[in-house]
Structures are given as structure tokens and as C-alpha cells.
Amino acid sequence: MEVNQLFNSFTELYRPYIKNVQPILDKYHLHTAQFLVLKDIYLHDQTTLVQISKRRSIEKPSARKLLKVLIEQELLIVTPGEDKREKLLSLSDKGTKVYKEAMSEVTALQESIVEQAALDEQEILAAMRTFEKLKNIL
């Protein structure tokens, strides 16, 4: 088996997946990257731009642009940190509501895809372990 086929398989999966997720996110006026940042903040309350940038593997200027849009949509609350330059980010009530509703729909889509593919728990866990190992190297 050619090693590059593993990566080809991932990239061939990514675009159709995003094409199916984006209509859900459109209802909430979000793009995939914005939703992933929203998810990161939901999972790591009182976080900073730098922390988000590291966890999501995105450049700080890109993270700043994503956060600006989320703040403009009133999905985030920004509070000063201990250091005057540091700003702590949390989801607003509206942001929590939007995240939970969108995530519920995305999860339903994911469950449907897994069911149609007839994947069992072992296959899912094996794929997750593989992706985690590759991510840690990259």
C-alpha cells in the first residue's frame, strides 16, 4: 500500500464532509473555521487568542480575524485578564445557544454518516488513534 494514499483518503473525505456541514453552519451565519473556534472556546472557557491559536494550529492574525467576526456577532464575551494586554474569551449566552444548536445538528449528521457507513466502535476508535498519531507528528 502506498503511504500517500492514507493522506489522499483523508483529503478526499474532508471536502465532501465540509460540503455537508456548511449548510448547517450557514443557518447560524458561521463558516467552518469560525465554528471550530467557537467549539474551542466552549471547551476551554476563559481562554486567550494565543491559546486558541496553539490548540487549533492557526496563525494569530487568522485567529484574530475569526474572533473579530464572532465578537461582532455577539457570540463572545471579552474580559480583561491579569495582564492588561491579555483578553479572556468566553461564549456569550447567545454564543452558547448557537454553538449547542449547531453542534446538535452537526452531531446528527455525523451519526447518520457513521450509520450509513456501518462503522463499528472499533473502527471509529482505530481511525481516531491514527489521526491523533499523525496530528501529534505534524
N, C-alpha and C. Protein backbone atom coordinates (compact mmCIF):
# COMPACT_ATOMS: atom_id res chain seq x y z
N MET A 1 0.84 -1.19 0.00
CA MET A 1 0.00 0.00 0.00
C MET A 1 0.88 1.24 0.00
N GLU A 2 0.51 2.21 -0.80
CA GLU A 2 1.26 3.45 -0.85
C GLU A 2 0.88 4.32 0.35
N VAL A 3 1.89 4.84 1.02
CA VAL A 3 1.65 5.67 2.20
C VAL A 3 0.85 6.91 1.84
N ASN A 4 1.13 7.49 0.66
CA ASN A 4 0.42 8.73 0.33
C ASN A 4 -1.08 8.51 0.15
N GLN A 5 -1.51 7.27 -0.06
CA GLN A 5 -2.94 7.00 -0.18
C GLN A 5 -3.67 7.27 1.14
N LEU A 6 -2.99 7.07 2.27
CA LEU A 6 -3.58 7.39 3.57
C LEU A 6 -3.96 8.87 3.61
N PHE A 7 -3.03 9.73 3.21
CA PHE A 7 -3.29 11.17 3.22
C PHE A 7 -4.28 11.57 2.13
N ASN A 8 -4.20 10.90 0.99
CA ASN A 8 -5.18 11.15 -0.07
C ASN A 8 -6.58 10.81 0.41
N SER A 9 -6.71 9.72 1.15
CA SER A 9 -8.02 9.32 1.66
C SER A 9 -8.58 10.38 2.60
N PHE A 10 -7.72 10.94 3.42
CA PHE A 10 -8.16 11.99 4.35
C PHE A 10 -8.65 13.22 3.57
N THR A 11 -7.84 13.67 2.60
CA THR A 11 -8.22 14.88 1.87
C THR A 11 -9.46 14.64 1.00
N GLU A 12 -9.64 13.42 0.51
CA GLU A 12 -10.83 13.11 -0.26
C GLU A 12 -12.08 13.08 0.63
N LEU A 13 -11.93 12.83 1.89
CA LEU A 13 -13.03 12.83 2.84
C LEU A 13 -13.37 14.25 3.31
N TYR A 14 -12.36 15.07 3.47
CA TYR A 14 -12.52 16.40 4.06
C TYR A 14 -13.51 17.28 3.30
N ARG A 15 -13.28 17.46 2.01
CA ARG A 15 -14.13 18.38 1.24
C ARG A 15 -15.60 17.96 1.20
N PRO A 16 -15.92 16.69 0.91
CA PRO A 16 -17.34 16.32 0.94
C PRO A 16 -17.96 16.47 2.33
N TYR A 17 -17.17 16.22 3.36
CA TYR A 17 -17.67 16.40 4.72
C TYR A 17 -18.04 17.86 4.97
N ILE A 18 -17.13 18.77 4.63
CA ILE A 18 -17.36 20.20 4.82
C ILE A 18 -18.56 20.65 3.97
N LYS A 19 -18.68 20.11 2.77
CA LYS A 19 -19.81 20.45 1.89
C LYS A 19 -21.14 20.07 2.55
N ASN A 20 -21.16 19.03 3.35
CA ASN A 20 -22.38 18.61 4.05
C ASN A 20 -22.60 19.38 5.35
N VAL A 21 -21.54 19.81 5.99
CA VAL A 21 -21.65 20.55 7.25
C VAL A 21 -21.99 22.02 7.01
N GLN A 22 -21.46 22.61 5.95
CA GLN A 22 -21.61 24.05 5.74
C GLN A 22 -23.07 24.52 5.69
N PRO A 23 -24.00 23.78 5.06
CA PRO A 23 -25.39 24.25 5.09
C PRO A 23 -25.96 24.36 6.51
N ILE A 24 -25.51 23.51 7.40
CA ILE A 24 -25.94 23.61 8.81
C ILE A 24 -25.39 24.91 9.40
N LEU A 25 -24.11 25.16 9.18
CA LEU A 25 -23.48 26.34 9.74
C LEU A 25 -24.01 27.63 9.11
N ASP A 26 -24.42 27.55 7.84
CA ASP A 26 -24.98 28.73 7.17
C ASP A 26 -26.20 29.27 7.92
N LYS A 27 -26.98 28.38 8.52
CA LYS A 27 -28.17 28.81 9.28
C LYS A 27 -27.78 29.71 10.45
N TYR A 28 -26.56 29.54 10.92
CA TYR A 28 -26.07 30.30 12.07
C TYR A 28 -25.07 31.39 11.65
N HIS A 29 -24.95 31.60 10.34
CA HIS A 29 -24.05 32.61 9.78
C HIS A 29 -22.60 32.36 10.21
N LEU A 30 -22.20 31.08 10.15
CA LEU A 30 -20.85 30.69 10.53
C LEU A 30 -20.17 29.94 9.38
N HIS A 31 -18.85 30.09 9.32
CA HIS A 31 -18.04 29.26 8.44
C HIS A 31 -17.39 28.20 9.32
N THR A 32 -16.84 27.19 8.69
CA THR A 32 -16.25 26.07 9.44
C THR A 32 -15.20 26.54 10.44
N ALA A 33 -14.30 27.40 10.01
CA ALA A 33 -13.23 27.87 10.91
C ALA A 33 -13.81 28.61 12.11
N GLN A 34 -14.84 29.42 11.88
CA GLN A 34 -15.48 30.15 12.98
C GLN A 34 -16.14 29.18 13.95
N PHE A 35 -16.80 28.17 13.41
CA PHE A 35 -17.45 27.18 14.26
C PHE A 35 -16.42 26.42 15.10
N LEU A 36 -15.28 26.07 14.50
CA LEU A 36 -14.25 25.35 15.25
C LEU A 36 -13.66 26.21 16.36
N VAL A 37 -13.54 27.51 16.14
CA VAL A 37 -13.07 28.41 17.20
C VAL A 37 -14.14 28.53 18.28
N LEU A 38 -15.39 28.62 17.88
CA LEU A 38 -16.49 28.65 18.84
C LEU A 38 -16.46 27.39 19.70
N LYS A 39 -16.26 26.25 19.06
CA LYS A 39 -16.18 24.97 19.78
C LYS A 39 -15.00 24.97 20.75
N ASP A 40 -13.87 25.48 20.31
CA ASP A 40 -12.68 25.54 21.16
C ASP A 40 -12.96 26.37 22.41
N ILE A 41 -13.61 27.50 22.23
CA ILE A 41 -13.91 28.37 23.38
C ILE A 41 -14.94 27.70 24.29
N TYR A 42 -15.90 27.01 23.71
CA TYR A 42 -16.89 26.28 24.51
C TYR A 42 -16.18 25.24 25.39
N LEU A 43 -15.21 24.56 24.83
CA LEU A 43 -14.49 23.51 25.56
C LEU A 43 -13.42 24.06 26.51
N HIS A 44 -12.96 25.29 26.27
CA HIS A 44 -11.89 25.90 27.08
C HIS A 44 -12.30 27.31 27.47
N ASP A 45 -13.26 27.41 28.35
CA ASP A 45 -13.78 28.71 28.76
C ASP A 45 -12.68 29.57 29.37
N GLN A 46 -12.81 30.88 29.21
CA GLN A 46 -11.83 31.84 29.72
C GLN A 46 -10.46 31.56 29.09
N THR A 47 -10.45 31.52 27.78
CA THR A 47 -9.23 31.23 27.03
C THR A 47 -8.73 32.50 26.36
N THR A 48 -7.58 32.43 25.73
CA THR A 48 -6.99 33.59 25.06
C THR A 48 -6.77 33.28 23.58
N LEU A 49 -6.54 34.34 22.84
CA LEU A 49 -6.23 34.21 21.42
C LEU A 49 -5.02 33.30 21.22
N VAL A 50 -3.99 33.48 22.01
CA VAL A 50 -2.77 32.68 21.87
C VAL A 50 -3.07 31.20 22.12
N GLN A 51 -3.84 30.90 23.14
CA GLN A 51 -4.18 29.51 23.44
C GLN A 51 -5.01 28.88 22.32
N ILE A 52 -5.96 29.64 21.79
CA ILE A 52 -6.78 29.14 20.68
C ILE A 52 -5.88 28.88 19.47
N SER A 53 -5.02 29.82 19.19
CA SER A 53 -4.11 29.71 18.05
C SER A 53 -3.27 28.44 18.14
N LYS A 54 -2.76 28.15 19.32
CA LYS A 54 -1.94 26.93 19.51
C LYS A 54 -2.77 25.67 19.39
N ARG A 55 -3.92 25.63 20.06
CA ARG A 55 -4.75 24.41 20.03
C ARG A 55 -5.29 24.13 18.64
N ARG A 56 -5.67 25.16 17.91
CA ARG A 56 -6.28 24.98 16.59
C ARG A 56 -5.24 24.98 15.47
N SER A 57 -3.97 25.22 15.82
CA SER A 57 -2.89 25.28 14.82
C SER A 57 -3.17 26.31 13.73
N ILE A 58 -3.56 27.50 14.16
CA ILE A 58 -3.79 28.59 13.21
C ILE A 58 -2.93 29.79 13.62
N GLU A 59 -2.56 30.57 12.65
CA GLU A 59 -1.74 31.76 12.91
C GLU A 59 -2.55 32.76 13.73
N LYS A 60 -1.86 33.52 14.56
CA LYS A 60 -2.54 34.51 15.40
C LYS A 60 -3.34 35.54 14.59
N PRO A 61 -2.81 36.06 13.48
CA PRO A 61 -3.62 37.02 12.71
C PRO A 61 -4.92 36.38 12.19
N SER A 62 -4.87 35.13 11.79
CA SER A 62 -6.08 34.44 11.32
C SER A 62 -7.05 34.25 12.48
N ALA A 63 -6.53 33.86 13.63
CA ALA A 63 -7.39 33.68 14.82
C ALA A 63 -8.02 35.01 15.20
N ARG A 64 -7.25 36.09 15.12
CA ARG A 64 -7.76 37.42 15.46
C ARG A 64 -8.94 37.78 14.55
N LYS A 65 -8.83 37.50 13.25
CA LYS A 65 -9.92 37.80 12.31
C LYS A 65 -11.17 36.98 12.62
N LEU A 66 -10.96 35.71 12.93
CA LEU A 66 -12.10 34.85 13.28
C LEU A 66 -12.79 35.35 14.54
N LEU A 67 -12.00 35.71 15.54
CA LEU A 67 -12.56 36.21 16.80
C LEU A 67 -13.30 37.52 16.60
N LYS A 68 -12.77 38.39 15.74
CA LYS A 68 -13.42 39.67 15.48
C LYS A 68 -14.84 39.46 14.97
N VAL A 69 -15.00 38.52 14.04
CA VAL A 69 -16.33 38.24 13.48
C VAL A 69 -17.24 37.68 14.57
N LEU A 70 -16.73 36.76 15.37
CA LEU A 70 -17.55 36.16 16.43
C LEU A 70 -17.96 37.19 17.48
N ILE A 71 -17.09 38.14 17.75
CA ILE A 71 -17.41 39.22 18.69
C ILE A 71 -18.48 40.13 18.08
N GLU A 72 -18.32 40.46 16.79
CA GLU A 72 -19.30 41.30 16.11
C GLU A 72 -20.68 40.65 16.08
N GLN A 73 -20.72 39.33 16.01
CA GLN A 73 -21.99 38.59 16.02
C GLN A 73 -22.53 38.40 17.44
N GLU A 74 -21.82 38.96 18.40
CA GLU A 74 -22.20 38.90 19.82
C GLU A 74 -22.24 37.47 20.35
N LEU A 75 -21.32 36.64 19.85
CA LEU A 75 -21.24 35.25 20.30
C LEU A 75 -20.20 35.08 21.41
N LEU A 76 -19.37 36.10 21.60
CA LEU A 76 -18.30 36.02 22.59
C LEU A 76 -18.38 37.17 23.59
N ILE A 77 -17.84 36.89 24.78
CA ILE A 77 -17.64 37.91 25.80
C ILE A 77 -16.14 38.04 25.99
N VAL A 78 -15.66 39.27 25.97
CA VAL A 78 -14.24 39.53 26.15
C VAL A 78 -14.06 40.25 27.49
N THR A 79 -13.23 39.66 28.36
CA THR A 79 -12.94 40.30 29.65
C THR A 79 -11.44 40.46 29.80
N PRO A 80 -11.02 41.53 30.50
CA PRO A 80 -9.57 41.72 30.69
C PRO A 80 -8.98 40.63 31.57
N GLY A 81 -7.76 40.21 31.23
CA GLY A 81 -7.05 39.23 32.04
C GLY A 81 -6.21 39.93 33.09
N GLU A 82 -5.37 39.17 33.77
CA GLU A 82 -4.48 39.75 34.79
C GLU A 82 -3.51 40.72 34.15
N ASP A 83 -2.96 40.32 33.01
CA ASP A 83 -2.09 41.18 32.22
C ASP A 83 -3.01 42.07 31.39
N LYS A 84 -2.74 43.37 31.35
CA LYS A 84 -3.61 44.30 30.64
C LYS A 84 -3.74 43.96 29.15
N ARG A 85 -2.70 43.35 28.60
CA ARG A 85 -2.73 43.01 27.17
C ARG A 85 -3.54 41.76 26.90
N GLU A 86 -3.75 40.94 27.92
CA GLU A 86 -4.45 39.67 27.76
C GLU A 86 -5.96 39.86 27.84
N LYS A 87 -6.66 39.23 26.90
CA LYS A 87 -8.12 39.28 26.91
C LYS A 87 -8.64 37.85 27.00
N LEU A 88 -9.52 37.62 27.97
CA LEU A 88 -10.10 36.30 28.16
C LEU A 88 -11.39 36.20 27.37
N LEU A 89 -11.55 35.08 26.68
CA LEU A 89 -12.69 34.88 25.80
C LEU A 89 -13.59 33.78 26.33
N SER A 90 -14.89 34.07 26.33
CA SER A 90 -15.92 33.12 26.73
C SER A 90 -17.08 33.26 25.77
N LEU A 91 -17.91 32.24 25.71
CA LEU A 91 -19.11 32.35 24.91
C LEU A 91 -20.15 33.18 25.65
N SER A 92 -20.85 34.03 24.92
CA SER A 92 -21.98 34.75 25.49
C SER A 92 -23.14 33.76 25.58
N ASP A 93 -24.24 34.19 26.17
CA ASP A 93 -25.43 33.32 26.20
C ASP A 93 -25.85 32.98 24.78
N LYS A 94 -25.83 33.99 23.91
CA LYS A 94 -26.17 33.76 22.51
C LYS A 94 -25.18 32.79 21.86
N GLY A 95 -23.90 32.96 22.16
CA GLY A 95 -22.87 32.08 21.61
C GLY A 95 -23.04 30.64 22.06
N THR A 96 -23.38 30.45 23.32
CA THR A 96 -23.62 29.10 23.85
C THR A 96 -24.82 28.48 23.16
N LYS A 97 -25.87 29.25 22.99
CA LYS A 97 -27.08 28.75 22.33
C LYS A 97 -26.79 28.36 20.88
N VAL A 98 -26.11 29.24 20.16
CA VAL A 98 -25.77 28.97 18.76
C VAL A 98 -24.88 27.74 18.67
N TYR A 99 -23.86 27.67 19.52
CA TYR A 99 -22.95 26.53 19.49
C TYR A 99 -23.70 25.22 19.74
N LYS A 100 -24.51 25.18 20.79
CA LYS A 100 -25.21 23.95 21.14
C LYS A 100 -26.19 23.52 20.04
N GLU A 101 -26.90 24.46 19.46
CA GLU A 101 -27.85 24.13 18.39
C GLU A 101 -27.12 23.62 17.15
N ALA A 102 -26.08 24.33 16.74
CA ALA A 102 -25.31 23.92 15.56
C ALA A 102 -24.63 22.57 15.81
N MET A 103 -24.06 22.41 17.00
CA MET A 103 -23.36 21.17 17.32
C MET A 103 -24.33 19.99 17.32
N SER A 104 -25.53 20.21 17.79
CA SER A 104 -26.54 19.15 17.80
C SER A 104 -26.83 18.68 16.36
N GLU A 105 -26.97 19.64 15.45
CA GLU A 105 -27.23 19.29 14.06
C GLU A 105 -26.02 18.62 13.40
N VAL A 106 -24.82 19.11 13.70
CA VAL A 106 -23.61 18.52 13.14
C VAL A 106 -23.45 17.09 13.66
N THR A 107 -23.71 16.90 14.94
CA THR A 107 -23.61 15.56 15.53
C THR A 107 -24.61 14.60 14.88
N ALA A 108 -25.81 15.06 14.63
CA ALA A 108 -26.82 14.22 13.96
C ALA A 108 -26.34 13.83 12.57
N LEU A 109 -25.74 14.77 11.85
CA LEU A 109 -25.19 14.47 10.53
C LEU A 109 -24.07 13.43 10.64
N GLN A 110 -23.16 13.63 11.59
CA GLN A 110 -22.05 12.70 11.78
C GLN A 110 -22.56 11.30 12.12
N GLU A 111 -23.54 11.22 13.00
CA GLU A 111 -24.10 9.92 13.37
C GLU A 111 -24.74 9.25 12.17
N SER A 112 -25.41 10.02 11.33
CA SER A 112 -26.03 9.48 10.13
C SER A 112 -24.97 8.92 9.17
N ILE A 113 -23.89 9.66 8.99
CA ILE A 113 -22.80 9.22 8.11
C ILE A 113 -22.19 7.93 8.62
N VAL A 114 -21.91 7.87 9.92
CA VAL A 114 -21.31 6.67 10.52
C VAL A 114 -22.26 5.48 10.39
N GLU A 115 -23.55 5.73 10.60
CA GLU A 115 -24.55 4.66 10.47
C GLU A 115 -24.61 4.14 9.03
N GLN A 116 -24.63 5.06 8.06
CA GLN A 116 -24.67 4.66 6.66
C GLN A 116 -23.43 3.87 6.25
N ALA A 117 -22.29 4.23 6.85
CA ALA A 117 -21.04 3.53 6.56
C ALA A 117 -20.92 2.23 7.34
N ALA A 118 -21.85 2.00 8.26
CA ALA A 118 -21.86 0.80 9.10
C ALA A 118 -20.54 0.61 9.85
N LEU A 119 -20.02 1.73 10.38
CA LEU A 119 -18.79 1.67 11.16
C LEU A 119 -19.10 1.24 12.59
N ASP A 120 -18.28 0.32 13.11
CA ASP A 120 -18.47 -0.07 14.50
C ASP A 120 -17.51 0.74 15.38
N GLU A 121 -17.67 0.59 16.67
CA GLU A 121 -16.87 1.38 17.62
C GLU A 121 -15.37 1.14 17.44
N GLN A 122 -14.98 -0.09 17.17
CA GLN A 122 -13.55 -0.40 16.99
C GLN A 122 -12.96 0.35 15.78
N GLU A 123 -13.72 0.40 14.70
CA GLU A 123 -13.24 1.10 13.50
C GLU A 123 -13.11 2.59 13.78
N ILE A 124 -14.08 3.14 14.48
CA ILE A 124 -14.05 4.56 14.81
C ILE A 124 -12.84 4.87 15.70
N LEU A 125 -12.63 4.05 16.73
CA LEU A 125 -11.51 4.26 17.65
C LEU A 125 -10.17 4.12 16.92
N ALA A 126 -10.07 3.15 16.02
CA ALA A 126 -8.82 2.95 15.27
C ALA A 126 -8.53 4.18 14.40
N ALA A 127 -9.55 4.71 13.74
CA ALA A 127 -9.37 5.91 12.91
C ALA A 127 -8.95 7.10 13.77
N MET A 128 -9.59 7.25 14.92
CA MET A 128 -9.26 8.36 15.81
C MET A 128 -7.81 8.25 16.30
N ARG A 129 -7.39 7.05 16.65
CA ARG A 129 -6.00 6.86 17.10
C ARG A 129 -5.02 7.21 15.98
N THR A 130 -5.34 6.77 14.77
CA THR A 130 -4.47 7.06 13.62
C THR A 130 -4.35 8.55 13.39
N PHE A 131 -5.48 9.26 13.36
CA PHE A 131 -5.46 10.69 13.14
C PHE A 131 -4.72 11.42 14.26
N GLU A 132 -4.91 10.97 15.49
CA GLU A 132 -4.23 11.59 16.64
C GLU A 132 -2.71 11.44 16.52
N LYS A 133 -2.25 10.23 16.15
CA LYS A 133 -0.81 9.99 15.99
C LYS A 133 -0.23 10.90 14.91
N LEU A 134 -0.93 11.00 13.78
CA LEU A 134 -0.44 11.84 12.68
C LEU A 134 -0.44 13.31 13.07
N LYS A 135 -1.49 13.75 13.75
CA LYS A 135 -1.59 15.15 14.19
C LYS A 135 -0.43 15.50 15.13
N ASN A 136 -0.12 14.59 16.05
CA ASN A 136 0.95 14.85 17.01
C ASN A 136 2.32 15.00 16.33
N ILE A 137 2.50 14.33 15.22
CA ILE A 137 3.77 14.44 14.48
C ILE A 137 3.81 15.76 13.70
N LEU A 138 2.69 16.12 13.13
CA LEU A 138 2.64 17.35 12.34
C LEU A 138 2.68 18.58 13.24
